[in-house]
Amino acid sequence: MTGARPFTYGQLLNEALLELNQALSGRVRFDRPSEAITAAQARVRIYHTIARAADTCAAGLGAVADPAVPLREADRRNAARLHADLSASAVGTQHVLDLPAEPGPRQSVAGRLSRVADAAGLAWDLLATQLPPHGATAARRGHPAGGLNARSVLTDAALLARGMASLDVRLEPAMSMVAVDPATPNNIGRALQQVAEDCEAVTLLGVPAYTGQILHQPTNPAAAARQALNALTAPSAPMRVVRLTSEQQAVAAAEAYLAWLMRGGGDLTVPDLLSLAATASRLTRLVARARGTSVEPHPAGRDAVGAWREAYQATRRLRSIHPRPAGWRQAVRLAAWADEQLRAAQPPPRRSATVTEIADLLPALAEAGQASLRRLHSGRRLYAPAPGGSRYLYAPAGGTHVRTVLRTFELARTSSAALAQPAPAVALPDTPGRSAISSPGRPPHPAVDRIRTASEPAPTAAPFGSLPPRPAFEIADTLGLD
């Protein structure tokens, strides 16, 4: 069994451009000198990365270049000029890398530039090591795989450089303001003033102008060549998964997985939601097979399996760019155990306690997926395919995309509840706030309420003199789902 496919060159570059676009559209201001230092350090790393890419392009990518689309002389001059200008900028401001810094707030320009530097650096590392696309024959270290489009690489470097040069116009006054602040230490103030002057120098050197010329020159790369470049990736390492060897372990793992989903919430990623749908589909097939006849699975099970598969397909259109939280391999363990049971000659007994307990957890798994989607969307951490004509592959997901995925998870919840609790629904006047999971005839498995209670954050006392907390934004208000 292998792990998740690693990020590709195209995904990493797209992540860097999305974060840079967010930084350009937001306010450029530093509340503390440490934030300005973090932004300055990220700027040095970004320009060093672009200079590396431009140097590679200036050489025409060597033997890895696609001979059908060689660089023109003007392309080589622009690549060499970009390398010279940004190398000088990185060398002239690299002293800020020795200053103490701290991670900036996630939504600040310092935090976004740090993520741009991380993603762009990894993208160009993949390009420099000349690794082939996933599944292809690996090339020898230091030797090219062949067929890369040099013009596309130069265009990517110019796009990132033009965005950073545009941001430099706004970084210069922000850096200068922190540098002259009396509260800023003298050594930090001098360093930030040099960075501010370099921001102005990048504009005076004409970086925005000639990178714009690179972007406006027709490249027309073949679709296959662009796909090969975007698919450049590192080989995945095998992932070791501890097997579940008993039904008791499987039930405990399912309960732990549900608790992890509820705690994760807004930190889950789209791959985590895909793993949730795939794992729940396997568990649903197992329950339907155990509760059906020897020939046909349970009718409600067919509907539930189809609903989970529909949720998987709908979620595949979304993207997220933040890292996966620790513990995501729990889904792999559960899915592997369910596959073993489905391949077995005899399914678990119809009235097996394992089947009953897993069936009772399925609706709660769907609820956890819905809650995570709402929190990710309200935090603007979900992305969807950008509309036609955009220069970006993905853009922040709108309500239409998220509403579609939420509906599929709602269908998975209701169909899983019908499979778990086939008794007719009855009114529960004493629990008006309970979810629809509890509405059928018998109460849910005690583990669901216990996990839900344990996953809720403990209330904390507000500090003396603090303002009352602002009400949390509910995405359900705009989607019309509640």
Protein backbone atom coordinates (compact mmCIF):
# COMPACT_ATOMS: atom_id res chain seq x y z
CA MET A 1 0.00 0.00 0.00
CA THR A 2 1.38 3.42 -0.90
CA GLY A 3 0.77 6.85 0.56
CA ALA A 4 -1.02 9.78 -0.98
CA ARG A 5 0.41 11.08 -4.23
CA PRO A 6 2.86 13.93 -3.52
CA PHE A 7 2.35 17.48 -4.72
CA THR A 8 3.25 18.15 -8.33
CA TYR A 9 5.00 21.14 -9.88
CA GLY A 10 1.68 22.47 -11.18
CA GLN A 11 -0.08 22.15 -7.82
CA LEU A 12 2.74 23.84 -5.91
CA LEU A 13 3.04 26.70 -8.40
CA ASN A 14 -0.71 27.21 -8.36
CA GLU A 15 -0.64 27.31 -4.55
CA ALA A 16 2.08 29.98 -4.63
CA LEU A 17 0.15 32.11 -7.13
CA LEU A 18 -3.10 31.82 -5.17
CA GLU A 19 -1.41 32.95 -1.96
CA LEU A 20 0.35 35.80 -3.78
CA ASN A 21 -2.96 36.92 -5.26
CA GLN A 22 -4.48 36.98 -1.76
CA ALA A 23 -1.55 39.08 -0.52
CA LEU A 24 -2.02 41.55 -3.39
CA SER A 25 -5.74 41.90 -2.73
CA GLY A 26 -5.35 42.46 1.03
CA ARG A 27 -3.94 45.21 3.23
CA VAL A 28 -0.15 45.51 3.35
CA ARG A 29 0.70 46.56 6.89
CA PHE A 30 2.98 45.32 9.65
CA ASP A 31 1.89 45.70 13.27
CA ARG A 32 5.19 44.47 14.70
CA PRO A 33 8.80 44.52 13.49
CA SER A 34 8.85 40.71 13.61
CA GLU A 35 6.10 40.57 10.95
CA ALA A 36 8.10 42.88 8.68
CA ILE A 37 11.18 40.68 9.16
CA THR A 38 9.18 37.56 8.29
CA ALA A 39 7.89 39.22 5.11
CA ALA A 40 11.38 40.43 4.17
CA GLN A 41 12.85 36.95 4.68
CA ALA A 42 10.10 35.39 2.53
CA ARG A 43 10.77 38.01 -0.16
CA VAL A 44 14.45 37.06 -0.29
CA ARG A 45 13.56 33.36 -0.60
CA ILE A 46 11.03 34.04 -3.37
CA TYR A 47 13.43 36.15 -5.44
CA HIS A 48 16.19 33.58 -4.97
CA THR A 49 13.81 30.88 -6.25
CA ILE A 50 12.77 32.93 -9.29
CA ALA A 51 16.42 33.68 -10.05
CA ARG A 52 17.15 29.93 -10.02
CA ALA A 53 14.31 29.28 -12.44
CA ALA A 54 15.35 32.13 -14.73
CA ASP A 55 18.93 30.86 -14.78
CA THR A 56 17.64 27.44 -15.81
CA CYS A 57 15.57 29.02 -18.57
CA ALA A 58 18.45 31.16 -19.77
CA ALA A 59 20.29 27.94 -20.52
CA GLY A 60 17.25 26.72 -22.45
CA LEU A 61 16.72 23.84 -20.00
CA GLY A 62 19.59 22.06 -21.69
CA ALA A 63 18.84 18.55 -22.87
CA VAL A 64 15.46 18.50 -21.11
CA ALA A 65 14.07 21.18 -23.38
CA ASP A 66 11.49 20.25 -25.96
CA PRO A 67 13.35 20.71 -29.29
CA ALA A 68 10.10 21.60 -31.03
CA VAL A 69 9.74 24.83 -29.02
CA PRO A 70 13.20 26.34 -28.40
CA LEU A 71 13.58 29.67 -26.63
CA ARG A 72 13.84 32.71 -28.89
CA GLU A 73 16.75 35.09 -28.50
CA ALA A 74 14.46 37.65 -26.85
CA ASP A 75 13.37 34.97 -24.36
CA ARG A 76 16.97 34.21 -23.46
CA ARG A 77 17.77 37.90 -22.95
CA ASN A 78 14.74 38.40 -20.71
CA ALA A 79 15.55 35.25 -18.72
CA ALA A 80 19.16 36.38 -18.23
CA ARG A 81 18.01 39.87 -17.22
CA LEU A 82 15.48 38.44 -14.75
CA HIS A 83 18.17 36.24 -13.23
CA ALA A 84 20.63 39.14 -12.89
CA ASP A 85 18.11 41.57 -11.35
CA LEU A 86 16.55 39.20 -8.84
CA SER A 87 19.87 37.60 -7.90
CA ALA A 88 21.18 41.07 -7.06
CA SER A 89 18.06 41.75 -5.00
CA ALA A 90 18.36 38.46 -3.08
CA VAL A 91 22.08 38.95 -2.39
CA GLY A 92 21.65 42.59 -1.39
CA THR A 93 18.93 41.81 1.19
CA GLN A 94 19.95 38.36 2.38
CA HIS A 95 21.23 39.80 5.68
CA VAL A 96 17.61 39.82 6.93
CA LEU A 97 17.76 36.02 7.00
CA ASP A 98 20.01 36.30 10.08
CA LEU A 99 17.48 38.37 12.04
CA PRO A 100 15.14 36.71 14.54
CA ALA A 101 11.59 36.33 13.23
CA GLU A 102 8.37 34.63 14.18
CA PRO A 103 5.56 33.23 12.02
CA GLY A 104 3.10 35.92 11.03
CA PRO A 105 -0.68 35.57 11.36
CA ARG A 106 -2.11 33.26 8.73
CA GLN A 107 -4.14 35.96 6.96
CA SER A 108 -1.37 38.59 7.11
CA VAL A 109 0.88 39.48 4.19
CA ALA A 110 3.84 38.02 6.11
CA GLY A 111 2.10 34.67 6.58
CA ARG A 112 1.01 34.54 2.95
CA LEU A 113 4.47 35.41 1.61
CA SER A 114 5.99 32.66 3.75
CA ARG A 115 3.65 30.14 2.13
CA VAL A 116 4.46 31.56 -1.33
CA ALA A 117 8.16 31.04 -0.62
CA ASP A 118 7.61 27.48 0.62
CA ALA A 119 5.44 26.41 -2.32
CA ALA A 120 7.52 28.11 -5.02
CA GLY A 121 10.75 26.71 -3.58
CA LEU A 122 9.41 23.17 -3.66
CA ALA A 123 8.10 23.66 -7.21
CA TRP A 124 11.49 24.73 -8.53
CA ASP A 125 13.23 21.98 -6.53
CA LEU A 126 11.12 19.45 -8.43
CA LEU A 127 12.05 21.11 -11.70
CA ALA A 128 15.76 21.24 -10.87
CA THR A 129 15.99 17.59 -9.91
CA GLN A 130 14.48 16.57 -13.28
CA LEU A 131 12.07 14.00 -11.84
CA PRO A 132 9.64 12.37 -14.28
CA PRO A 133 5.85 12.42 -13.95
CA HIS A 134 4.21 9.96 -11.58
CA GLY A 135 4.31 6.45 -12.96
CA ALA A 136 6.96 7.10 -15.60
CA THR A 137 10.43 5.59 -15.70
CA ALA A 138 12.71 7.54 -13.36
CA ALA A 139 15.55 9.50 -14.91
CA ARG A 140 19.09 9.35 -13.65
CA ARG A 141 19.93 11.98 -11.01
CA GLY A 142 21.26 15.07 -12.74
CA HIS A 143 19.99 14.00 -16.15
CA PRO A 144 16.77 15.24 -17.74
CA ALA A 145 13.63 13.28 -18.48
CA GLY A 146 13.19 15.21 -21.74
CA GLY A 147 10.40 17.14 -23.39
CA LEU A 148 9.94 20.03 -20.93
CA ASN A 149 8.70 23.27 -22.48
CA ALA A 150 11.23 26.02 -21.69
CA ARG A 151 8.83 28.80 -22.67
CA SER A 152 6.22 27.57 -20.19
CA VAL A 153 8.82 27.47 -17.42
CA LEU A 154 9.92 31.02 -18.24
CA THR A 155 6.29 32.18 -18.28
CA ASP A 156 5.71 30.66 -14.84
CA ALA A 157 8.79 32.42 -13.46
CA ALA A 158 7.74 35.73 -15.03
CA LEU A 159 4.21 35.43 -13.62
CA LEU A 160 5.53 34.96 -10.09
CA ALA A 161 8.11 37.74 -10.53
CA ARG A 162 5.55 40.20 -11.88
CA GLY A 163 3.24 39.54 -8.94
CA MET A 164 6.05 40.07 -6.44
CA ALA A 165 7.23 43.23 -8.21
CA SER A 166 3.68 44.59 -8.03
CA LEU A 167 3.61 43.81 -4.31
CA ASP A 168 6.98 45.56 -3.84
CA VAL A 169 5.29 48.87 -4.65
CA ARG A 170 3.16 48.43 -1.51
CA LEU A 171 5.83 46.75 0.59
CA GLU A 172 8.21 49.71 0.29
CA PRO A 173 6.16 52.22 2.34
CA ALA A 174 5.13 49.54 4.84
CA MET A 175 8.76 48.50 5.42
CA SER A 176 9.87 52.14 5.69
CA MET A 177 7.19 52.90 8.26
CA VAL A 178 8.38 50.07 10.52
CA ALA A 179 12.04 51.01 9.95
CA VAL A 180 11.59 54.61 11.21
CA ASP A 181 9.36 53.62 14.13
CA PRO A 182 11.11 54.62 17.41
CA ALA A 183 10.11 51.27 18.94
CA THR A 184 12.05 49.34 16.29
CA PRO A 185 15.62 48.37 17.32
CA ASN A 186 18.32 50.14 15.34
CA ASN A 187 19.78 47.05 13.67
CA ILE A 188 16.33 45.86 12.56
CA GLY A 189 15.39 49.34 11.38
CA ARG A 190 18.51 49.59 9.20
CA ALA A 191 17.88 46.15 7.69
CA LEU A 192 14.24 46.91 6.91
CA GLN A 193 15.19 50.27 5.37
CA GLN A 194 17.55 48.45 2.99
CA VAL A 195 14.73 46.07 2.05
CA ALA A 196 12.43 49.05 1.41
CA GLU A 197 15.04 50.63 -0.86
CA ASP A 198 15.42 47.33 -2.71
CA CYS A 199 11.66 47.18 -3.26
CA GLU A 200 11.90 50.55 -5.00
CA ALA A 201 14.96 49.39 -6.98
CA VAL A 202 13.08 46.40 -8.39
CA THR A 203 10.49 48.76 -9.81
CA LEU A 204 13.14 51.15 -11.21
CA LEU A 205 14.91 48.22 -12.90
CA GLY A 206 11.78 47.62 -14.94
CA VAL A 207 11.01 44.13 -13.65
CA PRO A 208 7.22 44.66 -13.96
CA ALA A 209 7.65 45.90 -17.52
CA TYR A 210 9.78 43.19 -19.08
CA THR A 211 8.07 40.35 -17.20
CA GLY A 212 4.86 41.69 -18.69
CA GLN A 213 6.46 41.40 -22.12
CA ILE A 214 7.33 37.77 -21.41
CA LEU A 215 3.73 37.05 -20.41
CA HIS A 216 2.28 38.74 -23.48
CA GLN A 217 4.46 36.83 -25.94
CA PRO A 218 2.57 33.90 -27.50
CA THR A 219 3.83 30.54 -26.26
CA ASN A 220 1.11 28.11 -27.43
CA PRO A 221 2.59 25.05 -25.76
CA ALA A 222 1.08 21.73 -26.68
CA ALA A 223 -1.39 20.48 -24.11
CA ALA A 224 0.65 17.31 -23.57
CA ALA A 225 3.82 19.35 -22.93
CA ARG A 226 2.09 21.58 -20.39
CA GLN A 227 0.58 18.55 -18.66
CA ALA A 228 3.99 16.87 -18.47
CA LEU A 229 5.43 19.97 -16.82
CA ASN A 230 2.56 20.28 -14.35
CA ALA A 231 2.80 16.56 -13.49
CA LEU A 232 6.47 16.74 -12.49
CA THR A 233 6.63 15.22 -9.02
CA ALA A 234 8.73 13.25 -6.58
CA PRO A 235 8.20 9.50 -6.23
CA SER A 236 5.94 8.53 -3.37
CA ALA A 237 7.39 6.59 -0.46
CA PRO A 238 5.66 3.45 0.76
CA MET A 239 3.39 4.04 3.74
CA ARG A 240 3.24 1.53 6.55
CA VAL A 241 -0.21 1.04 8.03
CA VAL A 242 -0.83 -0.99 11.18
CA ARG A 243 -3.52 -3.56 10.38
CA LEU A 244 -6.65 -4.02 12.45
CA THR A 245 -6.82 -7.67 13.48
CA SER A 246 -10.14 -7.91 15.34
CA GLU A 247 -13.66 -6.54 15.22
CA GLN A 248 -13.18 -4.85 18.59
CA GLN A 249 -10.15 -3.00 17.22
CA ALA A 250 -12.18 -1.95 14.18
CA VAL A 251 -14.98 -0.48 16.30
CA ALA A 252 -12.49 1.36 18.51
CA ALA A 253 -10.69 2.66 15.41
CA ALA A 254 -13.99 3.88 13.91
CA GLU A 255 -14.87 5.73 17.12
CA ALA A 256 -11.38 7.27 17.30
CA TYR A 257 -11.65 8.31 13.64
CA LEU A 258 -15.00 10.03 14.26
CA ALA A 259 -13.54 11.87 17.25
CA TRP A 260 -10.58 12.98 15.12
CA LEU A 261 -12.91 14.31 12.42
CA MET A 262 -14.97 16.27 14.94
CA ARG A 263 -11.88 17.78 16.54
CA GLY A 264 -10.25 18.60 13.21
CA GLY A 265 -13.11 20.58 11.71
CA GLY A 266 -11.65 23.56 9.90
CA ASP A 267 -8.15 22.04 9.79
CA LEU A 268 -9.17 19.06 7.66
CA THR A 269 -8.24 19.08 3.98
CA VAL A 270 -10.01 18.01 0.82
CA PRO A 271 -7.96 14.75 0.77
CA ASP A 272 -9.26 14.09 4.29
CA LEU A 273 -12.85 14.56 3.13
CA LEU A 274 -12.20 12.27 0.15
CA SER A 275 -10.77 9.64 2.53
CA LEU A 276 -13.87 10.04 4.70
CA ALA A 277 -16.23 9.41 1.78
CA ALA A 278 -14.20 6.45 0.48
CA THR A 279 -13.86 4.83 3.92
CA ALA A 280 -17.54 5.36 4.78
CA SER A 281 -18.55 3.84 1.44
CA ARG A 282 -16.59 0.67 2.27
CA LEU A 283 -18.04 0.47 5.77
CA THR A 284 -21.54 0.98 4.35
CA ARG A 285 -21.02 -1.86 1.87
CA LEU A 286 -19.95 -4.09 4.75
CA VAL A 287 -23.08 -3.24 6.79
CA ALA A 288 -25.35 -3.66 3.77
CA ARG A 289 -23.80 -7.03 2.97
CA ALA A 290 -24.19 -8.26 6.55
CA ARG A 291 -27.82 -7.13 6.80
CA GLY A 292 -28.90 -8.31 3.38
CA THR A 293 -29.58 -11.76 2.03
CA SER A 294 -26.98 -14.16 0.78
CA VAL A 295 -27.60 -12.91 -2.76
CA GLU A 296 -28.54 -9.24 -2.47
CA PRO A 297 -27.28 -6.55 -0.05
CA HIS A 298 -29.71 -4.56 2.06
CA PRO A 299 -31.78 -2.19 -0.18
CA ALA A 300 -31.06 0.80 2.05
CA GLY A 301 -27.39 -0.13 1.85
CA ARG A 302 -27.35 0.27 -1.91
CA ASP A 303 -28.74 3.79 -1.55
CA ALA A 304 -26.24 4.66 1.17
CA VAL A 305 -23.26 3.33 -0.79
CA GLY A 306 -24.37 5.31 -3.83
CA ALA A 307 -24.74 8.45 -1.71
CA TRP A 308 -21.23 8.15 -0.30
CA ARG A 309 -19.82 7.61 -3.79
CA GLU A 310 -21.67 10.69 -5.00
CA ALA A 311 -20.18 12.66 -2.10
CA TYR A 312 -16.72 11.46 -3.14
CA GLN A 313 -17.20 12.52 -6.75
CA ALA A 314 -18.56 15.95 -5.77
CA THR A 315 -15.70 16.58 -3.33
CA ARG A 316 -13.10 15.77 -6.00
CA ARG A 317 -13.81 19.13 -7.67
CA LEU A 318 -12.57 21.02 -4.60
CA ARG A 319 -9.00 21.71 -3.56
CA SER A 320 -7.21 22.81 -0.39
CA ILE A 321 -3.63 23.99 0.01
CA HIS A 322 -3.01 23.72 3.76
CA PRO A 323 -1.22 20.63 5.12
CA ARG A 324 -3.09 17.58 6.33
CA PRO A 325 -3.38 17.30 10.13
CA ALA A 326 -1.71 14.46 11.97
CA GLY A 327 -3.82 11.32 12.24
CA TRP A 328 -5.17 11.13 8.69
CA ARG A 329 -3.92 7.56 8.28
CA GLN A 330 -6.77 6.33 10.51
CA ALA A 331 -9.02 6.32 7.46
CA VAL A 332 -6.54 4.11 5.60
CA ARG A 333 -6.57 1.54 8.43
CA LEU A 334 -10.37 1.41 8.51
CA ALA A 335 -10.65 1.15 4.74
CA ALA A 336 -8.09 -1.67 4.63
CA TRP A 337 -9.98 -3.59 7.34
CA ALA A 338 -13.31 -3.14 5.52
CA ASP A 339 -11.76 -4.37 2.27
CA GLU A 340 -10.51 -7.50 4.04
CA GLN A 341 -14.00 -8.20 5.39
CA LEU A 342 -15.60 -7.63 1.98
CA ARG A 343 -13.16 -10.07 0.36
CA ALA A 344 -13.88 -12.71 3.01
CA ALA A 345 -16.08 -15.65 2.05
CA GLN A 346 -18.52 -15.01 4.89
CA PRO A 347 -19.61 -11.52 6.01
CA PRO A 348 -20.02 -10.72 9.72
CA PRO A 349 -23.22 -12.11 11.28
CA ARG A 350 -26.39 -10.12 10.65
CA ARG A 351 -26.84 -9.24 14.33
CA SER A 352 -23.13 -8.74 14.98
CA ALA A 353 -22.39 -6.06 17.55
CA THR A 354 -19.63 -4.81 15.26
CA VAL A 355 -22.03 -4.26 12.37
CA THR A 356 -24.54 -2.50 14.62
CA GLU A 357 -21.96 -0.16 16.16
CA ILE A 358 -20.36 0.73 12.83
CA ALA A 359 -23.79 1.33 11.27
CA ASP A 360 -24.66 3.72 14.11
CA LEU A 361 -21.48 5.73 13.47
CA LEU A 362 -22.07 6.24 9.73
CA PRO A 363 -24.54 9.16 9.99
CA ALA A 364 -22.24 10.92 12.43
CA LEU A 365 -19.36 10.55 9.96
CA ALA A 366 -21.46 12.38 7.37
CA GLU A 367 -22.29 15.11 9.87
CA ALA A 368 -18.60 15.53 10.65
CA GLY A 369 -17.90 15.97 6.93
CA GLN A 370 -20.64 18.60 6.64
CA ALA A 371 -19.34 20.52 9.64
CA SER A 372 -15.81 20.50 8.25
CA LEU A 373 -16.99 21.75 4.85
CA ARG A 374 -18.83 24.66 6.46
CA ARG A 375 -15.84 25.68 8.55
CA LEU A 376 -13.39 25.36 5.66
CA HIS A 377 -15.61 27.46 3.42
CA SER A 378 -16.25 30.16 6.01
CA GLY A 379 -12.46 30.34 6.53
CA ARG A 380 -11.89 30.64 2.75
CA ARG A 381 -9.71 27.53 2.75
CA LEU A 382 -11.51 25.74 -0.09
CA TYR A 383 -10.75 26.23 -3.79
CA ALA A 384 -12.63 25.24 -6.92
CA PRO A 385 -11.84 25.34 -10.67
CA ALA A 386 -11.53 28.96 -11.75
CA PRO A 387 -13.98 30.27 -14.38
CA GLY A 388 -12.94 30.25 -17.99
CA GLY A 389 -10.52 32.96 -19.06
CA SER A 390 -8.75 33.18 -15.69
CA ARG A 391 -4.97 32.84 -15.56
CA TYR A 392 -5.32 30.66 -12.45
CA LEU A 393 -6.36 27.02 -12.38
CA TYR A 394 -8.31 27.41 -9.13
CA ALA A 395 -10.01 30.20 -7.20
CA PRO A 396 -11.68 30.39 -3.76
CA ALA A 397 -14.73 28.13 -3.86
CA GLY A 398 -18.06 29.90 -4.10
CA GLY A 399 -21.29 28.95 -2.42
CA THR A 400 -22.53 26.99 -5.43
CA HIS A 401 -19.68 24.48 -5.33
CA VAL A 402 -19.85 24.00 -1.57
CA ARG A 403 -23.65 23.77 -1.56
CA THR A 404 -23.48 20.89 -4.03
CA VAL A 405 -20.99 18.96 -1.89
CA LEU A 406 -22.96 19.64 1.30
CA ARG A 407 -26.08 18.21 -0.29
CA THR A 408 -24.31 15.00 -1.21
CA PHE A 409 -23.08 14.60 2.37
CA GLU A 410 -26.63 15.29 3.61
CA LEU A 411 -27.90 12.54 1.31
CA ALA A 412 -25.20 10.22 2.68
CA ARG A 413 -26.29 11.10 6.22
CA THR A 414 -29.98 10.41 5.69
CA SER A 415 -29.41 7.21 3.72
CA SER A 416 -26.90 5.95 6.30
CA ALA A 417 -29.41 6.73 9.07
CA ALA A 418 -32.04 4.69 7.20
CA LEU A 419 -29.61 1.77 7.01
CA ALA A 420 -28.59 2.07 10.66
CA GLN A 421 -32.06 2.62 12.10
CA PRO A 422 -34.72 1.14 9.82
CA ALA A 423 -37.51 1.72 12.34
CA PRO A 424 -40.01 4.48 11.39
CA ALA A 425 -39.21 7.94 12.64
CA VAL A 426 -40.88 9.19 15.80
CA ALA A 427 -41.05 12.61 17.38
CA LEU A 428 -38.71 13.42 20.24
CA PRO A 429 -40.30 16.45 21.95
CA ASP A 430 -37.88 16.35 24.87
CA THR A 431 -34.79 16.84 22.61
CA PRO A 432 -35.75 19.57 20.13
CA GLY A 433 -32.16 20.49 19.37
CA ARG A 434 -30.94 17.00 18.51
CA SER A 435 -29.80 16.25 15.00
CA ALA A 436 -31.87 14.15 12.63
CA ILE A 437 -29.55 11.23 13.41
CA SER A 438 -31.50 10.69 16.63
CA SER A 439 -35.00 10.97 15.16
CA PRO A 440 -35.61 7.32 14.18
CA GLY A 441 -37.16 4.86 16.57
CA ARG A 442 -34.21 3.77 18.69
CA PRO A 443 -31.57 6.08 20.16
CA PRO A 444 -28.14 6.31 18.54
CA HIS A 445 -25.13 4.42 19.72
CA PRO A 446 -23.89 5.93 23.02
CA ALA A 447 -20.45 6.45 21.52
CA VAL A 448 -21.79 9.14 19.16
CA ASP A 449 -22.97 11.42 21.97
CA ARG A 450 -19.89 10.65 24.03
CA ILE A 451 -17.55 11.51 21.15
CA ARG A 452 -19.51 14.64 20.29
CA THR A 453 -19.35 15.85 23.89
CA ALA A 454 -15.65 15.06 24.25
CA SER A 455 -14.84 16.84 20.99
CA GLU A 456 -16.46 20.13 22.00
CA PRO A 457 -13.90 22.69 23.19
CA ALA A 458 -14.08 23.55 26.85
CA PRO A 459 -15.44 27.05 27.57
CA THR A 460 -12.82 29.54 28.70
CA ALA A 461 -13.37 32.62 30.80
CA ALA A 462 -12.98 35.92 28.99
CA PRO A 463 -10.17 38.16 30.29
CA PHE A 464 -11.19 41.08 32.46
CA GLY A 465 -12.16 44.11 30.45
CA SER A 466 -12.30 42.26 27.11
CA LEU A 467 -14.98 42.91 24.56
CA PRO A 468 -17.74 40.33 24.09
CA PRO A 469 -16.90 37.80 21.37
CA ARG A 470 -18.22 38.41 17.88
CA PRO A 471 -20.80 35.89 16.65
CA ALA A 472 -19.28 33.22 14.42
CA PHE A 473 -20.19 33.38 10.72
CA GLU A 474 -22.46 30.52 9.75
CA ILE A 475 -22.05 29.47 6.14
CA ALA A 476 -25.37 27.64 6.41
CA ASP A 477 -27.08 31.05 6.56
CA THR A 478 -25.94 31.81 3.02
CA LEU A 479 -26.39 28.30 1.64
CA GLY A 480 -29.94 27.93 2.92
CA LEU A 481 -29.29 24.50 4.42
CA ASP A 482 -30.51 25.18 7.98
